[in-house]
C-alpha atoms as a PDB file:
ATOM      1  CA  MET A   1     -11.498 -22.917 -30.737  1.00  0.00           C
ATOM      2  CA  THR A   2      -9.986 -22.481 -27.326  1.00  0.00           C
ATOM      3  CA  THR A   3      -9.391 -25.851 -25.670  1.00  0.00           C
ATOM      4  CA  LEU A   4     -10.372 -25.945 -22.019  1.00  0.00           C
ATOM      5  CA  THR A   5      -9.511 -28.870 -19.809  1.00  0.00           C
ATOM      6  CA  ALA A   6     -10.847 -30.091 -16.497  1.00  0.00           C
ATOM      7  CA  ALA A   7      -8.978 -29.544 -13.244  1.00  0.00           C
ATOM      8  CA  PRO A   8      -5.943 -31.816 -12.698  1.00  0.00           C
ATOM      9  CA  GLY A   9      -6.764 -35.198 -11.254  1.00  0.00           C
ATOM     10  CA  THR A  10     -10.355 -35.189 -12.516  1.00  0.00           C
ATOM     11  CA  SER A  11     -11.980 -36.684 -15.562  1.00  0.00           C
ATOM     12  CA  THR A  12     -15.287 -35.457 -16.934  1.00  0.00           C
ATOM     13  CA  ARG A  13     -15.609 -38.692 -18.893  1.00  0.00           C
ATOM     14  CA  ASP A  14     -16.040 -40.633 -15.668  1.00  0.00           C
ATOM     15  CA  THR A  15     -19.078 -38.563 -14.646  1.00  0.00           C
ATOM     16  CA  SER A  16     -22.472 -39.121 -16.217  1.00  0.00           C
ATOM     17  CA  THR A  17     -24.012 -36.312 -18.248  1.00  0.00           C
ATOM     18  CA  GLY A  18     -27.005 -36.230 -15.925  1.00  0.00           C
ATOM     19  CA  ARG A  19     -24.818 -35.633 -12.874  1.00  0.00           C
ATOM     20  CA  VAL A  20     -22.790 -32.960 -14.651  1.00  0.00           C
ATOM     21  CA  LEU A  21     -26.026 -31.257 -15.750  1.00  0.00           C
ATOM     22  CA  ALA A  22     -27.421 -31.353 -12.201  1.00  0.00           C
ATOM     23  CA  ARG A  23     -24.235 -29.809 -10.839  1.00  0.00           C
ATOM     24  CA  ALA A  24     -24.189 -27.175 -13.559  1.00  0.00           C
ATOM     25  CA  CYS A  25     -27.829 -26.290 -12.863  1.00  0.00           C
ATOM     26  CA  ALA A  26     -27.060 -25.943  -9.162  1.00  0.00           C
ATOM     27  CA  ALA A  27     -24.130 -23.660  -9.953  1.00  0.00           C
ATOM     28  CA  GLU A  28     -26.201 -21.580 -12.369  1.00  0.00           C
ATOM     29  CA  TRP A  29     -28.979 -21.288  -9.781  1.00  0.00           C
ATOM     30  CA  THR A  30     -26.542 -20.011  -7.166  1.00  0.00           C
ATOM     31  CA  ARG A  31     -24.939 -17.652  -9.666  1.00  0.00           C
ATOM     32  CA  LEU A  32     -28.307 -16.207 -10.715  1.00  0.00           C
ATOM     33  CA  TRP A  33     -29.508 -15.418  -7.196  1.00  0.00           C
ATOM     34  CA  THR A  34     -26.236 -13.918  -5.990  1.00  0.00           C
ATOM     35  CA  VAL A  35     -26.376 -11.122  -8.563  1.00  0.00           C
ATOM     36  CA  LYS A  36     -28.150  -7.910  -7.522  1.00  0.00           C
ATOM     37  CA  ALA A  37     -29.494  -7.355 -11.034  1.00  0.00           C
ATOM     38  CA  THR A  38     -31.721 -10.424 -10.668  1.00  0.00           C
ATOM     39  CA  TRP A  39     -33.473  -8.920  -7.661  1.00  0.00           C
ATOM     40  CA  TRP A  40     -33.802  -5.511  -9.299  1.00  0.00           C
ATOM     41  CA  PHE A  41     -35.427  -6.903 -12.431  1.00  0.00           C
ATOM     42  CA  LEU A  42     -37.792  -9.081 -10.410  1.00  0.00           C
ATOM     43  CA  ALA A  43     -38.696  -6.079  -8.277  1.00  0.00           C
ATOM     44  CA  ALA A  44     -39.405  -4.041 -11.419  1.00  0.00           C
ATOM     45  CA  ALA A  45     -41.643  -6.795 -12.809  1.00  0.00           C
ATOM     46  CA  ALA A  46     -43.452  -7.062  -9.470  1.00  0.00           C
ATOM     47  CA  VAL A  47     -44.076  -3.317  -9.271  1.00  0.00           C
ATOM     48  CA  VAL A  48     -45.466  -3.249 -12.806  1.00  0.00           C
ATOM     49  CA  MET A  49     -47.712  -6.300 -12.530  1.00  0.00           C
ATOM     50  CA  LEU A  50     -49.010  -5.788  -9.010  1.00  0.00           C
ATOM     51  CA  GLY A  51     -49.345  -2.048  -9.612  1.00  0.00           C
ATOM     52  CA  ILE A  52     -51.410  -2.539 -12.777  1.00  0.00           C
ATOM     53  CA  GLY A  53     -53.575  -5.094 -10.993  1.00  0.00           C
ATOM     54  CA  THR A  54     -54.245  -2.785  -8.060  1.00  0.00           C
ATOM     55  CA  ILE A  55     -54.981   0.209 -10.298  1.00  0.00           C
ATOM     56  CA  ALA A  56     -57.358  -1.861 -12.457  1.00  0.00           C
ATOM     57  CA  GLY A  57     -59.208  -3.050  -9.363  1.00  0.00           C
ATOM     58  CA  LEU A  58     -59.534   0.465  -7.950  1.00  0.00           C
ATOM     59  CA  GLU A  59     -60.775   1.790 -11.281  1.00  0.00           C
ATOM     60  CA  ALA A  60     -63.374  -0.991 -11.476  1.00  0.00           C
ATOM     61  CA  ALA A  61     -64.553  -0.229  -7.936  1.00  0.00           C
ATOM     62  CA  GLY A  62     -64.788   3.500  -8.639  1.00  0.00           C
ATOM     63  CA  ASP A  63     -66.619   3.142 -11.956  1.00  0.00           C
ATOM     64  CA  ALA A  64     -70.040   4.778 -12.130  1.00  0.00           C
ATOM     65  CA  ASP A  65     -71.349   1.541 -13.616  1.00  0.00           C
ATOM     66  CA  PRO A  66     -69.059  -1.030 -11.936  1.00  0.00           C
ATOM     67  CA  PRO A  67     -68.656  -4.499 -13.457  1.00  0.00           C
ATOM     68  CA  GLN A  68     -70.568  -7.281 -11.754  1.00  0.00           C
ATOM     69  CA  GLY A  69     -68.951 -10.709 -11.679  1.00  0.00           C
ATOM     70  CA  ASP A  70     -66.304 -10.088 -14.369  1.00  0.00           C
ATOM     71  CA  PRO A  71     -63.184 -12.267 -14.033  1.00  0.00           C
ATOM     72  CA  ALA A  72     -60.150 -10.493 -12.599  1.00  0.00           C
ATOM     73  CA  TRP A  73     -57.816 -12.653 -14.694  1.00  0.00           C
ATOM     74  CA  ALA A  74     -58.037 -10.266 -17.664  1.00  0.00           C
ATOM     75  CA  VAL A  75     -55.648  -7.895 -15.903  1.00  0.00           C
ATOM     76  CA  SER A  76     -52.995 -10.630 -15.794  1.00  0.00           C
ATOM     77  CA  ARG A  77     -52.747 -10.602 -19.580  1.00  0.00           C
ATOM     78  CA  ILE A  78     -52.469  -6.811 -19.669  1.00  0.00           C
ATOM     79  CA  SER A  79     -49.864  -6.550 -16.910  1.00  0.00           C
ATOM     80  CA  ALA A  80     -47.730  -9.346 -18.370  1.00  0.00           C
ATOM     81  CA  MET A  81     -47.223  -7.428 -21.611  1.00  0.00           C
ATOM     82  CA  PRO A  82     -44.994  -4.624 -20.242  1.00  0.00           C
ATOM     83  CA  ALA A  83     -43.560  -6.646 -17.356  1.00  0.00           C
ATOM     84  CA  GLN A  84     -42.117  -9.278 -19.681  1.00  0.00           C
ATOM     85  CA  PHE A  85     -39.340  -6.867 -20.675  1.00  0.00           C
ATOM     86  CA  ALA A  86     -37.933  -6.806 -17.138  1.00  0.00           C
ATOM     87  CA  LEU A  87     -37.900 -10.618 -17.101  1.00  0.00           C
ATOM     88  CA  LEU A  88     -36.329 -10.858 -20.556  1.00  0.00           C
ATOM     89  CA  ALA A  89     -33.646  -8.377 -19.514  1.00  0.00           C
ATOM     90  CA  LEU A  90     -32.968 -10.537 -16.448  1.00  0.00           C
ATOM     91  CA  VAL A  91     -32.433 -13.589 -18.664  1.00  0.00           C
ATOM     92  CA  LEU A  92     -30.302 -11.747 -21.194  1.00  0.00           C
ATOM     93  CA  LEU A  93     -27.969 -10.242 -18.608  1.00  0.00           C
ATOM     94  CA  ALA A  94     -27.661 -13.572 -16.807  1.00  0.00           C
ATOM     95  CA  VAL A  95     -26.273 -15.017 -20.068  1.00  0.00           C
ATOM     96  CA  THR A  96     -24.108 -12.124 -21.256  1.00  0.00           C
ATOM     97  CA  SER A  97     -22.585 -11.026 -17.930  1.00  0.00           C
ATOM     98  CA  ASP A  98     -20.021 -13.829 -18.138  1.00  0.00           C
ATOM     99  CA  TYR A  99     -18.793 -12.503 -21.465  1.00  0.00           C
ATOM    100  CA  ALA A 100     -18.483  -8.961 -20.086  1.00  0.00           C
ATOM    101  CA  THR A 101     -16.431 -10.079 -17.076  1.00  0.00           C
ATOM    102  CA  GLY A 102     -14.525 -12.929 -18.709  1.00  0.00           C
ATOM    103  CA  GLY A 103     -16.219 -15.384 -16.383  1.00  0.00           C
ATOM    104  CA  ILE A 104     -17.179 -17.622 -19.294  1.00  0.00           C
ATOM    105  CA  VAL A 105     -13.634 -19.026 -19.363  1.00  0.00           C
ATOM    106  CA  PRO A 106     -13.590 -20.395 -15.776  1.00  0.00           C
ATOM    107  CA  ALA A 107     -17.221 -21.452 -16.225  1.00  0.00           C
ATOM    108  CA  LEU A 108     -16.189 -23.684 -19.128  1.00  0.00           C
ATOM    109  CA  GLN A 109     -13.140 -24.913 -17.250  1.00  0.00           C
ATOM    110  CA  TRP A 110     -15.438 -26.266 -14.553  1.00  0.00           C
ATOM    111  CA  THR A 111     -18.032 -27.475 -17.081  1.00  0.00           C
ATOM    112  CA  PRO A 112     -16.083 -28.210 -20.271  1.00  0.00           C
ATOM    113  CA  ARG A 113     -19.080 -29.935 -21.866  1.00  0.00           C
ATOM    114  CA  ARG A 114     -20.368 -26.835 -23.593  1.00  0.00           C
ATOM    115  CA  THR A 115     -23.782 -28.240 -24.451  1.00  0.00           C
ATOM    116  CA  VAL A 116     -24.320 -29.145 -20.803  1.00  0.00           C
ATOM    117  CA  LEU A 117     -23.449 -25.617 -19.706  1.00  0.00           C
ATOM    118  CA  PHE A 118     -25.743 -24.187 -22.370  1.00  0.00           C
ATOM    119  CA  VAL A 119     -28.653 -26.392 -21.313  1.00  0.00           C
ATOM    120  CA  ALA A 120     -28.095 -25.672 -17.612  1.00  0.00           C
ATOM    121  CA  ARG A 121     -28.006 -21.912 -18.093  1.00  0.00           C
ATOM    122  CA  ALA A 122     -31.033 -22.007 -20.369  1.00  0.00           C
ATOM    123  CA  LEU A 123     -33.064 -24.192 -18.005  1.00  0.00           C
ATOM    124  CA  VAL A 124     -32.317 -22.073 -14.943  1.00  0.00           C
ATOM    125  CA  THR A 125     -32.875 -18.678 -16.554  1.00  0.00           C
ATOM    126  CA  VAL A 126     -35.932 -19.599 -18.623  1.00  0.00           C
ATOM    127  CA  GLY A 127     -37.469 -21.527 -15.733  1.00  0.00           C
ATOM    128  CA  THR A 128     -36.892 -18.692 -13.274  1.00  0.00           C
ATOM    129  CA  ALA A 129     -38.320 -16.013 -15.569  1.00  0.00           C
ATOM    130  CA  THR A 130     -41.350 -18.134 -16.478  1.00  0.00           C
ATOM    131  CA  VAL A 131     -42.223 -19.177 -12.930  1.00  0.00           C
ATOM    132  CA  ALA A 132     -41.697 -15.661 -11.589  1.00  0.00           C
ATOM    133  CA  GLY A 133     -43.864 -14.211 -14.358  1.00  0.00           C
ATOM    134  CA  VAL A 134     -46.685 -16.684 -13.754  1.00  0.00           C
ATOM    135  CA  LEU A 135     -46.646 -16.052  -9.994  1.00  0.00           C
ATOM    136  CA  LEU A 136     -46.693 -12.293 -10.541  1.00  0.00           C
ATOM    137  CA  ALA A 137     -49.514 -12.648 -13.089  1.00  0.00           C
ATOM    138  CA  ALA A 138     -51.534 -14.526 -10.481  1.00  0.00           C
ATOM    139  CA  GLY A 139     -50.662 -11.830  -7.953  1.00  0.00           C
ATOM    140  CA  SER A 140     -51.836  -9.158 -10.388  1.00  0.00           C
ATOM    141  CA  ALA A 141     -55.260 -10.796 -10.669  1.00  0.00           C
ATOM    142  CA  VAL A 142     -55.491 -11.227  -6.893  1.00  0.00           C
ATOM    143  CA  ALA A 143     -54.581  -7.549  -6.423  1.00  0.00           C
ATOM    144  CA  ALA A 144     -57.361  -6.491  -8.818  1.00  0.00           C
ATOM    145  CA  PHE A 145     -59.819  -8.865  -7.131  1.00  0.00           C
ATOM    146  CA  THR A 146     -58.950  -7.519  -3.673  1.00  0.00           C
ATOM    147  CA  ALA A 147     -59.099  -3.851  -4.694  1.00  0.00           C
ATOM    148  CA  ALA A 148     -62.471  -4.271  -6.423  1.00  0.00           C
ATOM    149  CA  ARG A 149     -64.077  -6.690  -3.986  1.00  0.00           C
ATOM    150  CA  PRO A 150     -66.784  -7.946  -4.298  1.00  0.00           C
ATOM    151  CA  LEU A 151     -67.239  -6.854  -7.911  1.00  0.00           C
ATOM    152  CA  LEU A 152     -64.791  -9.236  -9.601  1.00  0.00           C
ATOM    153  CA  ARG A 153     -64.384 -13.011  -9.559  1.00  0.00           C
ATOM    154  CA  LEU A 154     -61.429 -15.409  -9.703  1.00  0.00           C
ATOM    155  CA  PRO A 155     -62.700 -18.512 -11.517  1.00  0.00           C
ATOM    156  CA  VAL A 156     -60.124 -21.292 -11.371  1.00  0.00           C
ATOM    157  CA  ASP A 157     -60.693 -22.633 -14.883  1.00  0.00           C
ATOM    158  CA  GLU A 158     -60.163 -19.262 -16.537  1.00  0.00           C
ATOM    159  CA  GLY A 159     -57.189 -18.605 -14.288  1.00  0.00           C
ATOM    160  CA  LEU A 160     -55.467 -21.774 -15.448  1.00  0.00           C
ATOM    161  CA  ASP A 161     -56.037 -20.787 -19.077  1.00  0.00           C
ATOM    162  CA  VAL A 162     -54.688 -17.255 -18.591  1.00  0.00           C
ATOM    163  CA  LEU A 163     -51.674 -18.331 -16.553  1.00  0.00           C
ATOM    164  CA  GLY A 164     -50.906 -21.049 -19.094  1.00  0.00           C
ATOM    165  CA  THR A 165     -50.887 -18.455 -21.872  1.00  0.00           C
ATOM    166  CA  VAL A 166     -48.632 -16.163 -19.832  1.00  0.00           C
ATOM    167  CA  ALA A 167     -46.271 -19.091 -19.209  1.00  0.00           C
ATOM    168  CA  VAL A 168     -46.044 -19.910 -22.932  1.00  0.00           C
ATOM    169  CA  VAL A 169     -45.312 -16.294 -23.889  1.00  0.00           C
ATOM    170  CA  LEU A 170     -42.711 -15.805 -21.159  1.00  0.00           C
ATOM    171  CA  ALA A 171     -41.001 -19.142 -21.800  1.00  0.00           C
ATOM    172  CA  ALA A 172     -40.733 -18.442 -25.535  1.00  0.00           C
ATOM    173  CA  GLY A 173     -39.484 -14.907 -24.931  1.00  0.00           C
ATOM    174  CA  ALA A 174     -36.946 -16.064 -22.346  1.00  0.00           C
ATOM    175  CA  ALA A 175     -35.671 -18.776 -24.698  1.00  0.00           C
ATOM    176  CA  LEU A 176     -35.281 -16.121 -27.399  1.00  0.00           C
ATOM    177  CA  ALA A 177     -33.289 -13.983 -24.940  1.00  0.00           C
ATOM    178  CA  VAL A 178     -31.037 -16.927 -24.026  1.00  0.00           C
ATOM    179  CA  GLY A 179     -30.282 -17.640 -27.665  1.00  0.00           C
ATOM    180  CA  LEU A 180     -29.564 -14.006 -28.447  1.00  0.00           C
ATOM    181  CA  GLY A 181     -27.349 -13.726 -25.378  1.00  0.00           C
ATOM    182  CA  PHE A 182     -25.148 -16.622 -26.432  1.00  0.00           C
ATOM    183  CA  LEU A 183     -25.203 -15.514 -30.070  1.00  0.00           C
ATOM    184  CA  LEU A 184     -24.398 -11.807 -29.611  1.00  0.00           C
ATOM    185  CA  ARG A 185     -22.406 -12.103 -26.347  1.00  0.00           C
ATOM    186  CA  ASN A 186     -23.150  -8.466 -25.638  1.00  0.00           C
ATOM    187  CA  ALA A 187     -25.708  -7.107 -23.175  1.00  0.00           C
ATOM    188  CA  ALA A 188     -26.388  -3.841 -25.003  1.00  0.00           C
ATOM    189  CA  GLY A 189     -26.761  -5.513 -28.386  1.00  0.00           C
ATOM    190  CA  GLY A 190     -28.991  -8.210 -26.932  1.00  0.00           C
ATOM    191  CA  LEU A 191     -31.245  -5.730 -25.136  1.00  0.00           C
ATOM    192  CA  VAL A 192     -31.645  -3.594 -28.240  1.00  0.00           C
ATOM    193  CA  THR A 193     -32.435  -6.647 -30.376  1.00  0.00           C
ATOM    194  CA  VAL A 194     -35.011  -7.968 -27.911  1.00  0.00           C
ATOM    195  CA  PHE A 195     -36.613  -4.528 -27.664  1.00  0.00           C
ATOM    196  CA  LEU A 196     -36.815  -4.248 -31.459  1.00  0.00           C
ATOM    197  CA  LEU A 197     -38.229  -7.733 -32.010  1.00  0.00           C
ATOM    198  CA  MET A 198     -40.656  -7.751 -29.097  1.00  0.00           C
ATOM    199  CA  LEU A 199     -41.963  -4.179 -29.082  1.00  0.00           C
ATOM    200  CA  LEU A 200     -40.736  -1.517 -31.500  1.00  0.00           C
ATOM    201  CA  LEU A 201     -40.861  -3.258 -34.894  1.00  0.00           C
ATOM    202  CA  PRO A 202     -44.246  -4.984 -34.331  1.00  0.00           C
ATOM    203  CA  LEU A 203     -45.750  -1.581 -33.454  1.00  0.00           C
ATOM    204  CA  LEU A 204     -43.885   0.527 -36.026  1.00  0.00           C
ATOM    205  CA  LEU A 205     -43.939  -1.501 -39.242  1.00  0.00           C
ATOM    206  CA  PRO A 206     -47.739  -1.549 -39.786  1.00  0.00           C
ATOM    207  CA  GLN A 207     -47.850   2.253 -39.409  1.00  0.00           C
ATOM    208  CA  PHE A 208     -46.062   2.797 -42.731  1.00  0.00           C
ATOM    209  CA  GLY A 209     -49.048   1.508 -44.687  1.00  0.00           C
ATOM    210  CA  TYR A 210     -47.108  -0.915 -46.888  1.00  0.00           C
ATOM    211  CA  GLU A 211     -48.579  -4.381 -47.120  1.00  0.00           C
ATOM    212  CA  TRP A 212     -45.200  -6.109 -47.031  1.00  0.00           C
ATOM    213  CA  MET A 213     -44.285  -4.296 -43.814  1.00  0.00           C
ATOM    214  CA  THR A 214     -47.554  -5.368 -42.235  1.00  0.00           C
ATOM    215  CA  GLU A 215     -46.892  -8.948 -43.310  1.00  0.00           C
ATOM    216  CA  LEU A 216     -43.375  -8.740 -41.896  1.00  0.00           C
ATOM    217  CA  ALA A 217     -44.753  -7.534 -38.561  1.00  0.00           C
ATOM    218  CA  LEU A 218     -46.974 -10.628 -38.395  1.00  0.00           C
ATOM    219  CA  VAL A 219     -43.950 -12.932 -38.292  1.00  0.00           C
ATOM    220  CA  LEU A 220     -42.174 -11.102 -35.474  1.00  0.00           C
ATOM    221  CA  PRO A 221     -42.232 -12.608 -31.975  1.00  0.00           C
ATOM    222  CA  GLY A 222     -43.599  -9.445 -30.374  1.00  0.00           C
ATOM    223  CA  THR A 223     -46.681  -9.623 -32.576  1.00  0.00           C
ATOM    224  CA  GLY A 224     -47.270 -13.238 -31.572  1.00  0.00           C
ATOM    225  CA  ALA A 225     -46.906 -12.361 -27.890  1.00  0.00           C
ATOM    226  CA  ALA A 226     -49.307  -9.416 -28.255  1.00  0.00           C
ATOM    227  CA  HIS A 227     -51.939 -11.589 -29.910  1.00  0.00           C
ATOM    228  CA  LEU A 228     -51.719 -14.357 -27.310  1.00  0.00           C
ATOM    229  CA  LEU A 229     -51.877 -11.935 -24.397  1.00  0.00           C
ATOM    230  CA  LEU A 230     -54.184  -9.217 -25.733  1.00  0.00           C
ATOM    231  CA  GLY A 231     -55.887 -10.855 -28.706  1.00  0.00           C
ATOM    232  CA  GLU A 232     -56.024  -7.645 -30.752  1.00  0.00           C
ATOM    233  CA  VAL A 233     -53.824  -8.376 -33.776  1.00  0.00           C
ATOM    234  CA  PRO A 234     -55.717  -8.626 -37.107  1.00  0.00           C
ATOM    235  CA  GLY A 235     -54.559 -11.438 -39.346  1.00  0.00           C
ATOM    236  CA  MET A 236     -53.248 -13.653 -36.547  1.00  0.00           C
ATOM    237  CA  THR A 237     -54.701 -16.698 -34.835  1.00  0.00           C
ATOM    238  CA  THR A 238     -53.726 -18.515 -31.677  1.00  0.00           C
ATOM    239  CA  THR A 239     -52.041 -21.196 -33.762  1.00  0.00           C
ATOM    240  CA  SER A 240     -50.072 -18.804 -35.957  1.00  0.00           C
ATOM    241  CA  SER A 241     -49.005 -16.755 -32.928  1.00  0.00           C
ATOM    242  CA  SER A 242     -47.764 -19.859 -31.132  1.00  0.00           C
ATOM    243  CA  VAL A 243     -45.882 -21.035 -34.223  1.00  0.00           C
ATOM    244  CA  VAL A 244     -44.195 -17.637 -34.655  1.00  0.00           C
ATOM    245  CA  LEU A 245     -43.082 -17.526 -31.026  1.00  0.00           C
ATOM    246  CA  ALA A 246     -41.855 -21.114 -31.093  1.00  0.00           C
ATOM    247  CA  ALA A 247     -39.963 -20.631 -34.359  1.00  0.00           C
ATOM    248  CA  TRP A 248     -38.109 -17.571 -33.077  1.00  0.00           C
ATOM    249  CA  ALA A 249     -37.318 -19.228 -29.747  1.00  0.00           C
ATOM    250  CA  VAL A 250     -36.037 -22.449 -31.323  1.00  0.00           C
ATOM    251  CA  GLY A 251     -34.083 -20.582 -33.995  1.00  0.00           C
ATOM    252  CA  ALA A 252     -32.378 -18.267 -31.503  1.00  0.00           C
ATOM    253  CA  VAL A 253     -31.538 -21.141 -29.147  1.00  0.00           C
ATOM    254  CA  ALA A 254     -30.065 -23.170 -32.016  1.00  0.00           C
ATOM    255  CA  LEU A 255     -27.896 -20.263 -33.207  1.00  0.00           C
ATOM    256  CA  GLY A 256     -26.747 -19.445 -29.680  1.00  0.00           C
ATOM    257  CA  TRP A 257     -25.841 -23.072 -28.995  1.00  0.00           C
ATOM    258  CA  ALA A 258     -23.997 -23.348 -32.315  1.00  0.00           C
ATOM    259  CA  ARG A 259     -21.823 -20.340 -31.545  1.00  0.00           C
ATOM    260  CA  LEU A 260     -21.020 -21.531 -28.024  1.00  0.00           C
ATOM    261  CA  VAL A 261     -19.875 -24.969 -29.148  1.00  0.00           C
ATOM    262  CA  ARG A 262     -18.032 -23.845 -32.303  1.00  0.00           C
ATOM    263  CA  ASP A 263     -16.392 -20.503 -31.478  1.00  0.00           C
ATOM    264  CA  ASP A 264     -13.824 -19.447 -28.933  1.00  0.00           C
ATOM    265  CA  ALA A 265     -15.600 -18.624 -25.709  1.00  0.00           C
ATOM    266  CA  ASN A 266     -13.578 -15.507 -24.972  1.00  0.00           C
ATOM    267  CA  ARG A 267     -14.176 -13.694 -28.272  1.00  0.00           C
END
């Protein structure tokens, strides 16, 4: 393992872990928002979610038998499903870009406590993706409500339930992306893996008609996310979906942390 030391004249042992974590979070926050890719992925998520919300509202208003008093929050669940991939890509690239540029070495020289750096990067990226996703989900519902006014409603209680579900799905998916980023240390490999686990395999495996493939699809994180957001996955419940998402997120985070603290950072 490559040994990295603090700058001359300083001692990380004299600084509390809480202060080091706060400084690392501040640095990660600045790093995240000074990269153009962050803005591009957020813009893509915004276009998808707000666009779907607006289209859904216009379709409801133009229906020959328009809905009367239906909640607009349903569109938030639908729009969050495709938009989550832009947010997960944001998280994954925020983790792996340091490995592509070699920036992980100076990052660990300034924050040699590897667990602190891991926690800081995870907190900033997961928090940003989750908050952004929840705000855009709310915006999607508002867009549908505005486009279909006065046909749809925005009940607060249902909105809190829907946005809470979106937050859980995005937080679990972002944590999975963080773990895979630190584990694979490669943007292309991480993106392909996330795409397979969250979309392709959950859709493809049940189509083969084998029972074991269908059962395997039920334990993939994409299936859990689909059930929580859309509620159309036979054989799954809210509890089982939440457990599947949590297990994948925790497992990926644990593996990513283990590789960061045990292996050379520049390999």
